[in-house]
Amino acid sequence: MLAEQTFKVRGRELLPAHEVKQLLTAEQAAVRTRLLAVPVTAADRISRAFTLHGIAGVEQALKEVVHEVLRELADLERDPAPRLDGGGQEAHAA
C-alpha cells in the first residue's frame, strides 16, 4: 500500500493535503472575486437591456453574464489566483 501511494505521489495522481487545500482556497477566491465583479462589470449591459427590451431583456442579459462567468471559471488554463491591484485589494475588473 505504501509503495502504491509513493508511486501515485511521484506520478502526481495523489497530492499532499496542503496542496489540495491551497488549490481549493485559490479556486474559492477566484469564484468570489469574479462573482463580486459582476454587478460592476454588467451594470451598463443590464441597464441597456432593460431600456431596449424590458424585463425579458434583463433576464436574457443576466443569463448571458452568468454563462460567461461559468465559462471563465471552467477554463482549466486560467490562473485560479484572484487578481490584486497595487493596494492588495481584489480587483473587480473582468
Protein backbone atom coordinates (compact mmCIF):
# COMPACT_ATOMS: atom_id res chain seq x y z
CA MET A 1 0.00 0.00 0.00
CA LEU A 2 2.82 2.42 0.86
CA ALA A 3 4.61 1.61 -2.38
CA GLU A 4 1.41 2.29 -4.32
CA GLN A 5 0.94 5.64 -2.57
CA THR A 6 4.56 6.58 -3.25
CA PHE A 7 4.12 5.69 -6.91
CA LYS A 8 0.94 7.80 -7.15
CA VAL A 9 2.60 10.76 -5.40
CA ARG A 10 5.51 10.65 -7.83
CA GLY A 11 3.09 10.48 -10.76
CA ARG A 12 1.09 13.41 -9.33
CA GLU A 13 -2.00 11.20 -9.11
CA LEU A 14 -2.04 11.62 -5.33
CA LEU A 15 -1.48 15.10 -3.95
CA PRO A 16 -0.48 16.17 -0.45
CA ALA A 17 -3.40 17.57 1.55
CA HIS A 18 -1.78 21.01 1.89
CA GLU A 19 -1.53 21.32 -1.92
CA VAL A 20 -5.19 20.39 -2.35
CA LYS A 21 -6.16 22.92 0.31
CA GLN A 22 -4.11 25.64 -1.44
CA LEU A 23 -5.74 24.86 -4.78
CA LEU A 24 -9.25 24.87 -3.30
CA THR A 25 -8.58 28.13 -1.48
CA ALA A 26 -7.35 29.72 -4.72
CA GLU A 27 -10.41 28.46 -6.60
CA GLN A 28 -12.76 29.80 -3.93
CA ALA A 29 -11.04 33.18 -4.09
CA ALA A 30 -11.30 33.22 -7.90
CA VAL A 31 -15.02 32.42 -7.79
CA ARG A 32 -15.65 35.03 -5.10
CA THR A 33 -13.68 37.70 -6.95
CA ARG A 34 -15.38 37.03 -10.26
CA LEU A 35 -18.89 36.97 -8.75
CA LEU A 36 -18.30 40.19 -6.83
CA ALA A 37 -17.22 41.83 -10.09
CA VAL A 38 -20.48 41.01 -11.88
CA PRO A 39 -22.56 43.99 -10.66
CA VAL A 40 -19.83 46.45 -11.65
CA THR A 41 -18.98 44.88 -14.99
CA ALA A 42 -22.57 44.11 -16.05
CA ALA A 43 -24.49 47.16 -14.80
CA ASP A 44 -24.43 49.06 -18.10
CA ARG A 45 -25.31 45.96 -20.06
CA ILE A 46 -28.28 45.21 -17.80
CA SER A 47 -29.48 48.81 -17.89
CA ARG A 48 -29.27 48.86 -21.68
CA ALA A 49 -31.12 45.54 -21.90
CA PHE A 50 -33.93 46.95 -19.74
CA THR A 51 -34.17 50.13 -21.81
CA LEU A 52 -34.31 48.24 -25.09
CA HIS A 53 -36.23 45.08 -24.15
CA GLY A 54 -37.69 45.47 -20.66
CA ILE A 55 -37.65 42.66 -18.11
CA ALA A 56 -37.22 39.99 -20.80
CA GLY A 57 -34.06 41.76 -21.95
CA VAL A 58 -32.72 41.92 -18.41
CA GLU A 59 -33.38 38.21 -17.95
CA GLN A 60 -31.54 37.38 -21.18
CA ALA A 61 -28.61 39.67 -20.33
CA LEU A 62 -28.29 38.14 -16.85
CA LYS A 63 -28.30 34.64 -18.34
CA GLU A 64 -25.53 35.66 -20.72
CA VAL A 65 -23.46 37.15 -17.90
CA VAL A 66 -23.87 34.02 -15.76
CA HIS A 67 -22.86 31.77 -18.66
CA GLU A 68 -19.79 33.95 -19.36
CA VAL A 69 -18.70 33.74 -15.73
CA LEU A 70 -19.21 29.97 -15.67
CA ARG A 71 -17.17 29.57 -18.87
CA GLU A 72 -14.36 31.68 -17.40
CA LEU A 73 -14.33 29.68 -14.19
CA ALA A 74 -14.39 26.37 -16.08
CA ASP A 75 -11.29 27.32 -18.08
CA LEU A 76 -8.62 24.94 -16.78
CA GLU A 77 -5.85 27.07 -18.29
CA ARG A 78 -6.65 30.15 -16.21
CA ASP A 79 -4.72 31.21 -13.14
CA PRO A 80 -7.03 30.45 -10.19
CA ALA A 81 -5.48 33.17 -8.01
CA PRO A 82 -7.56 36.34 -7.77
CA ARG A 83 -6.08 39.40 -9.41
CA LEU A 84 -4.95 42.07 -6.99
CA ASP A 85 -4.49 45.75 -7.58
CA GLY A 86 -1.47 47.62 -6.24
CA GLY A 87 -3.02 48.12 -2.79
CA GLY A 88 -3.58 44.42 -2.16
CA GLN A 89 -7.31 44.66 -2.80
CA GLU A 90 -9.12 42.23 -5.04
CA ALA A 91 -9.54 43.73 -8.48
CA HIS A 92 -13.08 43.99 -9.79
CA ALA A 93 -12.26 44.04 -13.49
CA ALA A 94 -13.45 41.17 -15.63
